[in-house]
Protein backbone atom coordinates (compact mmCIF):
# COMPACT_ATOMS: atom_id res chain seq x y z
CA MET A 1 0.00 0.00 0.00
CA PRO A 2 1.54 3.36 -0.99
CA ASP A 3 2.54 5.87 1.66
CA SER A 4 0.15 8.71 2.22
CA PRO A 5 1.30 12.25 1.39
CA GLY A 6 0.95 13.20 5.03
CA ALA A 7 3.29 10.45 6.17
CA SER A 8 5.98 11.48 3.73
CA ASN A 9 5.74 15.07 4.91
CA TRP A 10 6.56 14.36 8.56
CA THR A 11 9.03 11.48 8.07
CA ARG A 12 11.36 13.67 6.01
CA HIS A 13 12.31 15.45 9.25
CA PHE A 14 13.88 12.20 10.58
CA ALA A 15 15.23 10.40 7.52
CA TYR A 16 15.81 10.95 3.84
CA ARG A 17 17.28 9.13 0.89
CA ALA A 18 20.36 10.37 -0.92
CA GLU A 19 22.43 9.07 -3.81
CA HIS A 20 26.22 8.80 -3.42
CA THR A 21 28.78 8.49 -6.20
CA ARG A 22 31.93 6.57 -5.32
CA THR A 23 35.03 6.14 -7.39
CA THR A 24 36.14 2.67 -8.35
CA TRP A 25 39.39 1.09 -7.22
CA ILE A 26 40.59 1.24 -10.84
CA PHE A 27 40.20 5.04 -10.80
CA ARG A 28 41.81 5.40 -7.37
CA LEU A 29 44.86 3.45 -8.52
CA GLY A 30 44.94 4.77 -12.05
CA LEU A 31 44.95 8.49 -11.21
CA PRO A 32 48.15 8.47 -9.09
CA ALA A 33 49.77 6.17 -11.64
CA ALA A 34 48.90 8.61 -14.43
CA VAL A 35 50.32 11.54 -12.43
CA ILE A 36 53.56 9.68 -11.71
CA LEU A 37 53.86 8.61 -15.34
CA GLY A 38 53.28 12.17 -16.50
CA LEU A 39 55.95 13.53 -14.15
CA TRP A 40 58.39 10.88 -15.32
CA LEU A 41 57.75 11.56 -19.01
CA THR A 42 58.17 15.32 -18.56
CA SER A 43 61.03 15.15 -16.06
CA GLY A 44 63.51 16.43 -18.62
CA PHE A 45 61.61 19.72 -18.65
CA TRP A 46 60.46 20.39 -15.10
CA THR A 47 63.61 19.21 -13.32
CA VAL A 48 65.68 21.68 -15.33
CA ALA A 49 63.13 24.41 -14.62
CA VAL A 50 63.32 23.72 -10.87
CA GLY A 51 67.12 23.80 -10.97
CA ARG A 52 67.19 27.07 -12.91
CA SER A 53 64.75 28.69 -10.51
CA LEU A 54 67.41 28.41 -7.79
CA VAL A 55 70.22 30.01 -9.81
CA CYS A 56 70.83 33.74 -10.02
CA ASP A 57 71.57 35.52 -13.27
CA ALA A 58 75.35 35.80 -13.41
CA GLY A 59 76.56 39.30 -14.09
CA VAL A 60 80.07 40.22 -13.02
CA GLY A 61 81.73 43.53 -13.65
CA PRO A 62 84.36 45.80 -12.10
CA SER A 63 83.60 46.06 -8.39
CA ASP A 64 85.18 47.23 -5.16
CA ALA A 65 85.37 43.77 -3.61
CA ILE A 66 84.63 40.06 -3.99
CA LEU A 67 82.53 38.46 -1.27
CA ILE A 68 82.95 34.71 -0.81
CA GLU A 69 79.93 33.09 0.84
CA ASN A 70 81.59 30.93 3.44
CA PHE A 71 78.61 29.16 5.04
CA ASP A 72 79.90 25.76 3.91
CA PRO A 73 83.59 26.18 3.08
CA ASP A 74 84.22 25.11 -0.51
CA TYR A 75 87.51 25.26 -2.38
CA LEU A 76 85.73 25.98 -5.70
CA LEU A 77 84.43 29.27 -4.35
CA PHE A 78 87.93 30.41 -3.44
CA GLN A 79 89.21 29.24 -6.81
CA ARG A 80 86.56 31.24 -8.68
CA ALA A 81 87.25 34.30 -6.54
CA ARG A 82 90.94 33.99 -7.43
CA GLU A 83 90.05 33.97 -11.14
CA LEU A 84 87.91 37.08 -10.73
CA ARG A 85 90.66 38.88 -8.85
CA ARG A 86 93.28 37.96 -11.44
CA ALA A 87 90.93 39.17 -14.17
CA GLY A 88 91.05 42.59 -12.52
CA LEU A 89 87.37 42.71 -11.53
CA ALA A 90 88.14 43.50 -7.88
CA SER A 91 91.25 43.80 -5.74
CA ARG A 92 89.79 43.01 -2.31
CA VAL A 93 88.41 39.63 -1.27
CA ILE A 94 86.15 39.41 1.78
CA VAL A 95 85.31 36.22 3.66
CA PRO A 96 82.68 36.13 6.43
CA ILE A 97 83.89 34.11 9.42
CA ARG A 98 81.58 33.04 12.22
CA THR A 99 82.35 34.10 15.74
CA ASP A 100 82.13 32.16 18.98
CA ARG A 101 79.00 33.04 20.93
CA ASP A 102 80.75 33.32 24.27
CA THR A 103 83.76 35.43 23.30
CA GLU A 104 82.55 37.02 20.02
CA ALA A 105 86.04 36.31 18.67
CA PHE A 106 86.71 34.56 15.39
CA ASN A 107 86.12 30.82 15.55
CA ASP A 108 89.59 29.24 15.29
CA VAL A 109 88.39 26.30 13.20
CA ALA A 110 86.57 28.55 10.72
CA VAL A 111 89.64 30.76 10.38
CA GLY A 112 91.89 27.74 9.89
CA ILE A 113 89.70 26.27 7.16
CA ALA A 114 89.52 29.59 5.31
CA GLU A 115 93.30 29.98 5.50
CA VAL A 116 93.81 26.47 4.08
CA MET A 117 91.41 27.22 1.22
CA ALA A 118 93.23 30.49 0.54
CA ARG A 119 96.63 28.81 0.52
CA ILE A 120 95.58 25.99 -1.81
CA SER A 121 93.74 28.29 -4.21
CA ARG A 122 96.56 30.87 -4.14
CA ILE A 123 93.99 33.61 -3.98
CA GLY A 124 96.18 36.05 -2.09
CA PRO A 125 95.31 38.27 0.88
CA LEU A 126 91.86 37.96 2.42
CA GLU A 127 89.85 40.18 4.74
CA PHE A 128 87.85 38.32 7.39
CA VAL A 129 84.51 39.73 8.54
CA PRO A 130 83.06 38.60 11.88
CA VAL A 131 79.49 37.37 11.48
CA ARG A 132 76.85 35.92 13.78
CA GLU A 133 75.26 32.54 13.20
CA SER A 134 71.79 33.26 14.52
CA GLU A 135 68.52 32.58 12.73
CA PRO A 136 67.75 33.59 10.09
CA ILE A 137 71.42 33.03 9.35
CA SER A 138 71.63 34.40 5.80
CA LEU A 139 69.90 37.61 6.81
CA ASN A 140 72.01 38.24 9.90
CA VAL A 141 75.23 37.46 8.05
CA ALA A 142 74.24 39.96 5.35
CA ARG A 143 73.62 42.59 8.01
CA ASP A 144 77.04 42.02 9.57
CA VAL A 145 78.65 42.23 6.13
CA GLN A 146 76.72 45.43 5.43
CA ARG A 147 78.22 47.13 8.47
CA PHE A 148 81.71 46.12 7.37
CA LEU A 149 81.17 47.36 3.81
CA GLN A 150 79.86 50.71 5.00
CA ARG A 151 82.76 51.12 7.39
CA GLU A 152 85.21 50.34 4.59
CA ARG A 153 83.30 52.49 2.08
CA ILE A 154 82.79 49.61 -0.33
CA ASP A 155 80.04 50.43 -2.82
CA SER A 156 79.90 47.28 -4.96
CA VAL A 157 80.55 43.57 -4.47
CA ILE A 158 80.60 40.38 -6.48
CA VAL A 159 79.05 37.61 -4.39
CA VAL A 160 80.65 34.25 -5.17
CA THR A 161 78.15 31.63 -4.07
CA PRO A 162 77.21 27.97 -4.66
CA LEU A 163 75.00 27.37 -7.70
CA PHE A 164 71.75 26.27 -6.08
CA ARG A 165 72.03 28.78 -3.27
CA SER A 166 72.73 31.71 -5.55
CA ARG A 167 69.15 32.92 -6.15
CA ARG A 168 68.47 33.16 -2.42
CA SER A 169 71.85 34.76 -1.85
CA LEU A 170 71.15 37.49 -4.40
CA LEU A 171 67.68 38.17 -2.98
CA VAL A 172 68.97 38.49 0.58
CA ASN A 173 72.00 40.60 -0.26
CA ASP A 174 69.98 42.87 -2.54
CA ALA A 175 67.43 43.37 0.23
CA VAL A 176 70.08 44.22 2.84
CA LEU A 177 72.95 45.81 0.91
CA GLY A 178 70.89 47.55 -1.77
CA PRO A 179 69.22 50.06 0.58
CA ALA A 180 72.67 50.80 2.00
CA GLY A 181 73.86 51.86 -1.46
CA VAL A 182 75.92 48.75 -2.22
CA ALA A 183 75.55 47.29 -5.72
CA VAL A 184 75.41 43.50 -5.68
CA ARG A 185 76.52 41.21 -8.51
CA CYS A 186 76.17 37.44 -8.43
CA GLU A 187 78.62 34.78 -9.55
CA PRO A 188 77.17 31.24 -9.11
CA VAL A 189 79.68 28.42 -8.89
CA GLN A 190 78.71 24.93 -10.03
CA LYS A 191 80.13 21.95 -8.23
CA SER A 192 79.53 18.36 -9.31
CA ARG A 193 75.80 18.85 -10.00
CA GLY A 194 74.16 21.25 -12.44
CA VAL A 195 70.62 22.28 -13.31
CA ASP A 196 70.21 19.31 -15.64
CA THR A 197 72.01 16.66 -13.55
CA TRP A 198 70.82 17.21 -9.97
CA THR A 199 68.38 14.29 -10.18
CA ASP A 200 71.18 11.83 -10.95
CA SER A 201 71.93 11.25 -7.27
CA TRP A 202 70.07 11.29 -3.98
CA HIS A 203 72.41 13.96 -2.61
CA GLY A 204 71.58 16.18 -5.57
CA ILE A 205 67.85 15.78 -4.98
CA GLN A 206 68.31 16.46 -1.28
CA GLU A 207 70.32 19.62 -1.98
CA VAL A 208 67.83 21.05 -4.49
CA VAL A 209 64.80 20.29 -2.31
CA GLU A 210 66.49 21.92 0.69
CA GLN A 211 67.51 25.02 -1.26
CA TRP A 212 64.06 25.33 -2.85
CA MET A 213 62.36 25.23 0.55
CA LYS A 214 64.78 27.79 1.99
CA LEU A 215 64.24 30.06 -0.98
CA GLN A 216 60.47 30.01 -0.44
CA TYR A 217 60.95 30.59 3.29
CA TYR A 218 62.96 33.74 2.65
CA ARG A 219 60.62 34.93 -0.10
CA LEU A 220 57.41 34.41 1.86
CA TYR A 221 58.40 35.05 5.48
CA VAL A 222 61.82 36.61 6.02
CA LEU A 223 62.14 39.28 3.32
CA PRO A 224 58.52 40.57 3.46
CA PHE A 225 59.00 41.08 7.20
CA LEU A 226 62.27 42.90 6.47
CA ASP A 227 60.48 45.25 4.08
CA ALA A 228 57.66 45.85 6.55
CA ALA A 229 60.13 46.66 9.30
CA GLY A 230 61.97 49.06 7.03
CA THR A 231 65.36 47.71 8.08
């Protein structure tokens, strides 16, 4: 016997019927597989694009000084700085050296490593700049370098920096040194991995992922705050 219209009117307040659409297991497995396949087939394009997004546009020219980014001491950076100095692009070479927190004196190990790099590369005389290693490290190091450059009346620098760090390095130094009237040029130095070979090893993938995340961190959180603070 069919339900009366009155019954259907009051029962709808307690229960109702609805249709649900569910995906099949073939779709649930096939979609991720299609995405992975697509990434693999186009990897020759997007991996190079990711690598290039981390690299600054090289543009060296006559400058007052060469600044070697010494966060992770690397002989290739000192070697490239030597080549720039011998090419007559700058006569002074500056190396930031971290200080001990307790004494605020140069860290002996950091000084020793820099001196070994200088001796092996035959770069010539160096000028050490005391820098703090407090977060955010790149920003605070740039501020310490800024004070040194202003004191020494240095108006332009060539920043010699690792390849995949170079975009972030240029952004930070431009943000800190630019307002102080210091022109910043970037010289990225490639080590064993380039923009088209970083996926060949796990260490290369790890390095690029780390540098990409740090770049976004500085772009989205550190530098906007710096602009807002006006410092």
